[in-house]
């Protein structure tokens, strides 16, 4: 994993694609102008480390997908989370992070310096409240993932991950229209990454994807492009 200084440019809130979905959505126009003074856009290529262990990074994800990994004492790595727009990257008030954050695709961030961001939280309580809600949502997602890893079958695990990505598809620049119950997205992780994330072998992941394709639950345009003709059907297979 490569760790280089990303390109940084000023942020333009009026053209931000996640303006009304990210944590800053609670800010008024005047408050947003104040917030904008500390924000910087970071452009990070796929495969580059955004935050190494012990780094502190605060940012709204504007575009792309980030994978969070933990490293064990013997050097083995485990993917412990995926983040999409408009998720918030970083743990506020922590002295350091306990995971690696790596760009799974090209990523665009709206990043904030620690001191400035913590000052904004004190100045605008509604921003702190929104961040607290965001943390609770992440906790709920983590509990759901514990259930998936501990109780679901291999097929349910693979279907659940594809379902999660399908539902987030509009936020990662892909197609998903609730009215037609259809989704199409590029699978940003390798099958080895999927296996790591799900606690399965590479062979098992490939076998389950083939079964879902054969059953007509998904369509594969190529190895990375996936079509979900009916999200409700995928949700049933996922056991949700």
Protein backbone atom coordinates (compact mmCIF):
# COMPACT_ATOMS: atom_id res chain seq x y z
CA UNK A 1 0.00 0.00 0.00
CA UNK A 2 1.38 3.31 -1.08
CA UNK A 3 1.17 6.36 1.18
CA UNK A 4 1.81 9.67 -0.57
CA UNK A 5 0.68 13.24 -0.05
CA UNK A 6 -2.64 13.69 -1.91
CA UNK A 7 -3.57 16.61 -4.13
CA UNK A 8 -5.35 19.27 -2.05
CA UNK A 9 -7.48 22.15 -3.37
CA UNK A 10 -10.09 24.48 -1.80
CA UNK A 11 -13.62 23.09 -1.49
CA UNK A 12 -16.65 24.64 -3.21
CA UNK A 13 -19.66 23.74 -1.10
CA UNK A 14 -22.19 25.03 -3.64
CA UNK A 15 -21.14 22.36 -6.15
CA UNK A 16 -20.60 19.50 -3.66
CA UNK A 17 -22.51 16.38 -4.71
CA UNK A 18 -23.03 15.21 -1.09
CA UNK A 19 -23.82 18.66 0.36
CA UNK A 20 -27.33 17.65 1.47
CA UNK A 21 -26.38 14.16 2.68
CA UNK A 22 -23.11 14.60 4.59
CA UNK A 23 -22.71 15.78 8.18
CA UNK A 24 -22.53 19.41 7.00
CA UNK A 25 -26.13 19.18 5.74
CA UNK A 26 -27.28 20.50 9.15
CA UNK A 27 -25.40 23.78 8.71
CA UNK A 28 -27.04 26.99 7.53
CA UNK A 29 -25.55 28.89 4.60
CA UNK A 30 -23.71 31.28 6.94
CA UNK A 31 -22.44 28.41 9.10
CA UNK A 32 -21.35 26.55 5.98
CA UNK A 33 -19.24 29.51 4.87
CA UNK A 34 -17.42 29.34 8.21
CA UNK A 35 -16.99 25.59 7.87
CA UNK A 36 -15.73 25.99 4.32
CA UNK A 37 -12.76 28.02 5.53
CA UNK A 38 -11.12 24.92 7.04
CA UNK A 39 -12.15 22.39 4.39
CA UNK A 40 -9.80 21.12 1.68
CA UNK A 41 -10.56 18.77 -1.17
CA UNK A 42 -8.25 15.76 -1.36
CA UNK A 43 -7.93 13.68 -4.52
CA UNK A 44 -6.56 10.21 -3.82
CA UNK A 45 -5.84 7.54 -6.44
CA UNK A 46 -6.97 3.95 -6.02
CA UNK A 47 -4.62 1.83 -3.92
CA UNK A 48 -3.17 4.71 -1.90
CA UNK A 49 -3.32 4.78 1.89
CA UNK A 50 -5.42 7.66 3.20
CA UNK A 51 -4.74 7.09 6.89
CA UNK A 52 -2.23 4.68 8.37
CA UNK A 53 -2.56 3.34 11.90
CA UNK A 54 -2.06 6.15 14.45
CA UNK A 55 -2.89 8.83 11.83
CA UNK A 56 -5.84 11.14 12.50
CA UNK A 57 -7.96 12.07 9.47
CA UNK A 58 -11.38 13.74 9.41
CA UNK A 59 -13.23 13.91 6.10
CA UNK A 60 -16.53 13.59 4.28
CA UNK A 61 -16.35 11.09 1.43
CA UNK A 62 -17.52 12.89 -1.71
CA UNK A 63 -16.73 10.23 -4.28
CA UNK A 64 -15.30 6.71 -4.38
CA UNK A 65 -15.01 3.79 -1.95
CA UNK A 66 -12.68 3.39 1.03
CA UNK A 67 -11.78 0.10 2.69
CA UNK A 68 -10.76 -0.03 6.34
CA UNK A 69 -8.28 -2.72 7.37
CA UNK A 70 -6.73 -3.97 10.61
CA UNK A 71 -3.30 -5.56 10.80
CA UNK A 72 -2.65 -8.45 13.17
CA UNK A 73 0.61 -8.96 15.05
CA UNK A 74 1.82 -11.53 12.50
CA UNK A 75 1.21 -9.16 9.58
CA UNK A 76 -2.08 -10.59 8.38
CA UNK A 77 -4.70 -8.03 7.37
CA UNK A 78 -8.48 -8.08 7.69
CA UNK A 79 -10.92 -5.73 5.98
CA UNK A 80 -13.20 -4.50 8.76
CA UNK A 81 -15.31 -1.95 6.92
CA UNK A 82 -16.26 -0.25 3.67
CA UNK A 83 -17.19 3.41 3.38
CA UNK A 84 -19.07 5.16 0.60
CA UNK A 85 -20.30 8.72 -0.06
CA UNK A 86 -21.48 10.54 2.05
CA UNK A 87 -19.91 8.63 4.98
CA UNK A 88 -17.62 10.39 7.43
CA UNK A 89 -14.06 9.12 7.80
CA UNK A 90 -12.38 9.47 11.18
CA UNK A 91 -13.03 9.09 14.89
CA UNK A 92 -13.45 12.40 16.61
CA UNK A 93 -11.65 13.10 19.93
CA UNK A 94 -9.43 10.04 19.45
CA UNK A 95 -5.67 10.49 19.71
CA UNK A 96 -5.04 8.04 16.86
CA UNK A 97 -6.84 5.69 14.53
CA UNK A 98 -6.62 1.91 14.91
CA UNK A 99 -6.97 0.92 11.26
CA UNK A 100 -5.66 1.62 7.78
CA UNK A 101 -7.94 3.55 5.43
CA UNK A 102 -7.13 2.79 1.79
CA UNK A 103 -8.72 4.06 -1.41
CA UNK A 104 -10.43 1.07 -3.07
CA UNK A 105 -11.21 3.35 -6.04
CA UNK A 106 -10.17 6.88 -6.92
CA UNK A 107 -11.45 8.88 -3.95
CA UNK A 108 -12.43 12.49 -3.43
CA UNK A 109 -12.58 13.76 0.14
CA UNK A 110 -13.62 16.97 1.85
CA UNK A 111 -11.00 16.95 4.62
CA UNK A 112 -10.64 19.02 7.80
CA UNK A 113 -7.73 19.70 10.15
CA UNK A 114 -8.28 18.28 13.60
CA UNK A 115 -8.12 21.51 15.60
CA UNK A 116 -10.38 23.38 13.20
CA UNK A 117 -12.92 20.58 13.06
CA UNK A 118 -13.15 20.20 16.83
CA UNK A 119 -13.60 23.99 17.09
CA UNK A 120 -16.52 23.76 14.65
CA UNK A 121 -18.13 21.03 16.74
CA UNK A 122 -18.03 23.27 19.81
CA UNK A 123 -19.29 26.26 17.85
CA UNK A 124 -22.19 24.43 16.15
CA UNK A 125 -23.89 21.87 18.44
CA UNK A 126 -26.13 20.66 15.62
CA UNK A 127 -23.01 19.52 13.77
CA UNK A 128 -21.86 17.54 16.81
CA UNK A 129 -25.35 16.04 17.10
CA UNK A 130 -25.26 14.97 13.44
CA UNK A 131 -21.86 13.37 13.95
CA UNK A 132 -23.20 11.51 17.00
CA UNK A 133 -26.11 10.19 14.92
CA UNK A 134 -23.62 9.10 12.28
CA UNK A 135 -21.61 7.19 14.91
CA UNK A 136 -24.74 5.39 16.13
CA UNK A 137 -25.61 4.40 12.56
CA UNK A 138 -22.11 2.97 12.16
CA UNK A 139 -22.57 1.03 15.40
CA UNK A 140 -25.85 -0.44 14.09
CA UNK A 141 -24.10 -1.43 10.86
CA UNK A 142 -21.29 -3.08 12.81
CA UNK A 143 -23.82 -5.12 14.81
CA UNK A 144 -25.55 -6.21 11.62
CA UNK A 145 -22.19 -7.27 10.22
CA UNK A 146 -21.47 -9.30 13.37
CA UNK A 147 -24.71 -11.18 12.70
CA UNK A 148 -23.71 -11.75 9.09
CA UNK A 149 -20.28 -13.12 9.97
CA UNK A 150 -21.51 -15.26 12.84
CA UNK A 151 -24.80 -16.71 11.63
CA UNK A 152 -25.35 -16.38 7.89
CA UNK A 153 -24.50 -19.01 5.28
CA UNK A 154 -21.87 -18.38 2.60
CA UNK A 155 -24.57 -17.57 0.05
CA UNK A 156 -26.28 -15.16 2.44
CA UNK A 157 -22.96 -13.46 3.20
CA UNK A 158 -22.12 -12.84 -0.46
CA UNK A 159 -25.68 -11.72 -1.22
CA UNK A 160 -25.67 -9.38 1.78
CA UNK A 161 -22.48 -7.67 0.64
CA UNK A 162 -23.76 -7.24 -2.91
CA UNK A 163 -27.03 -5.91 -1.49
CA UNK A 164 -25.20 -3.35 0.63
CA UNK A 165 -23.27 -2.09 -2.40
CA UNK A 166 -26.39 -2.10 -4.59
CA UNK A 167 -28.28 0.06 -2.09
CA UNK A 168 -25.38 2.52 -1.94
CA UNK A 169 -24.95 2.51 -5.73
CA UNK A 170 -26.32 6.04 -6.38
CA UNK A 171 -23.75 7.46 -3.96
CA UNK A 172 -20.82 5.84 -5.77
CA UNK A 173 -21.78 7.03 -9.21
CA UNK A 174 -23.71 3.92 -10.26
CA UNK A 175 -27.33 3.22 -11.11
CA UNK A 176 -30.05 2.35 -8.64
CA UNK A 177 -33.66 3.45 -9.07
CA UNK A 178 -35.97 2.41 -6.20
CA UNK A 179 -38.95 2.85 -8.52
CA UNK A 180 -37.75 0.04 -10.80
CA UNK A 181 -36.00 -1.96 -8.05
CA UNK A 182 -32.92 -2.26 -10.28
CA UNK A 183 -29.22 -1.61 -9.64
CA UNK A 184 -26.01 -1.68 -11.63
CA UNK A 185 -22.57 -1.08 -10.14
CA UNK A 186 -18.88 -1.79 -10.53
CA UNK A 187 -17.50 -4.15 -7.91
CA UNK A 188 -14.59 -2.11 -6.59
CA UNK A 189 -13.07 -4.88 -4.47
CA UNK A 190 -11.25 -7.91 -5.81
CA UNK A 191 -12.75 -11.31 -5.04
CA UNK A 192 -9.84 -11.86 -2.67
CA UNK A 193 -10.90 -8.69 -0.84
CA UNK A 194 -14.49 -9.93 -0.74
CA UNK A 195 -13.31 -13.21 0.76
CA UNK A 196 -11.26 -11.35 3.36
CA UNK A 197 -14.15 -9.09 4.27
CA UNK A 198 -16.65 -11.96 4.56
CA UNK A 199 -14.39 -14.45 6.30
CA UNK A 200 -14.66 -16.90 3.38
CA UNK A 201 -12.20 -18.49 0.97
CA UNK A 202 -11.68 -17.06 -2.49
CA UNK A 203 -13.05 -20.27 -4.01
CA UNK A 204 -16.23 -20.03 -1.92
CA UNK A 205 -16.87 -16.42 -2.95
CA UNK A 206 -16.39 -17.24 -6.64
CA UNK A 207 -18.68 -20.26 -6.32
CA UNK A 208 -21.44 -18.26 -4.64
CA UNK A 209 -21.25 -15.46 -7.22
CA UNK A 210 -21.58 -18.09 -9.96
CA UNK A 211 -24.63 -19.58 -8.20
CA UNK A 212 -26.28 -16.16 -7.94
CA UNK A 213 -25.61 -15.59 -11.64
CA UNK A 214 -26.96 -19.01 -12.64
CA UNK A 215 -30.12 -18.40 -10.60
CA UNK A 216 -30.66 -15.06 -12.33
CA UNK A 217 -30.29 -13.11 -9.08
CA UNK A 218 -27.43 -11.10 -10.58
CA UNK A 219 -25.96 -10.59 -14.04
CA UNK A 220 -22.25 -10.22 -14.74
CA UNK A 221 -21.36 -7.88 -17.60
CA UNK A 222 -17.71 -8.61 -16.93
CA UNK A 223 -15.75 -9.62 -13.83
CA UNK A 224 -16.43 -6.26 -12.14
CA UNK A 225 -19.73 -4.90 -13.54
CA UNK A 226 -22.78 -6.34 -11.78
CA UNK A 227 -26.48 -5.90 -12.58
CA UNK A 228 -29.16 -6.65 -9.98
CA UNK A 229 -32.46 -7.00 -11.90
CA UNK A 230 -34.55 -7.11 -8.72
CA UNK A 231 -33.19 -5.88 -5.39
CA UNK A 232 -36.07 -7.44 -3.43
CA UNK A 233 -35.06 -10.87 -4.72
CA UNK A 234 -31.43 -10.29 -3.72
CA UNK A 235 -32.63 -9.15 -0.30
CA UNK A 236 -34.58 -12.39 0.14
CA UNK A 237 -31.48 -14.44 -0.70
CA UNK A 238 -29.45 -12.34 1.75
CA UNK A 239 -31.80 -13.36 4.54
CA UNK A 240 -32.54 -9.77 5.56
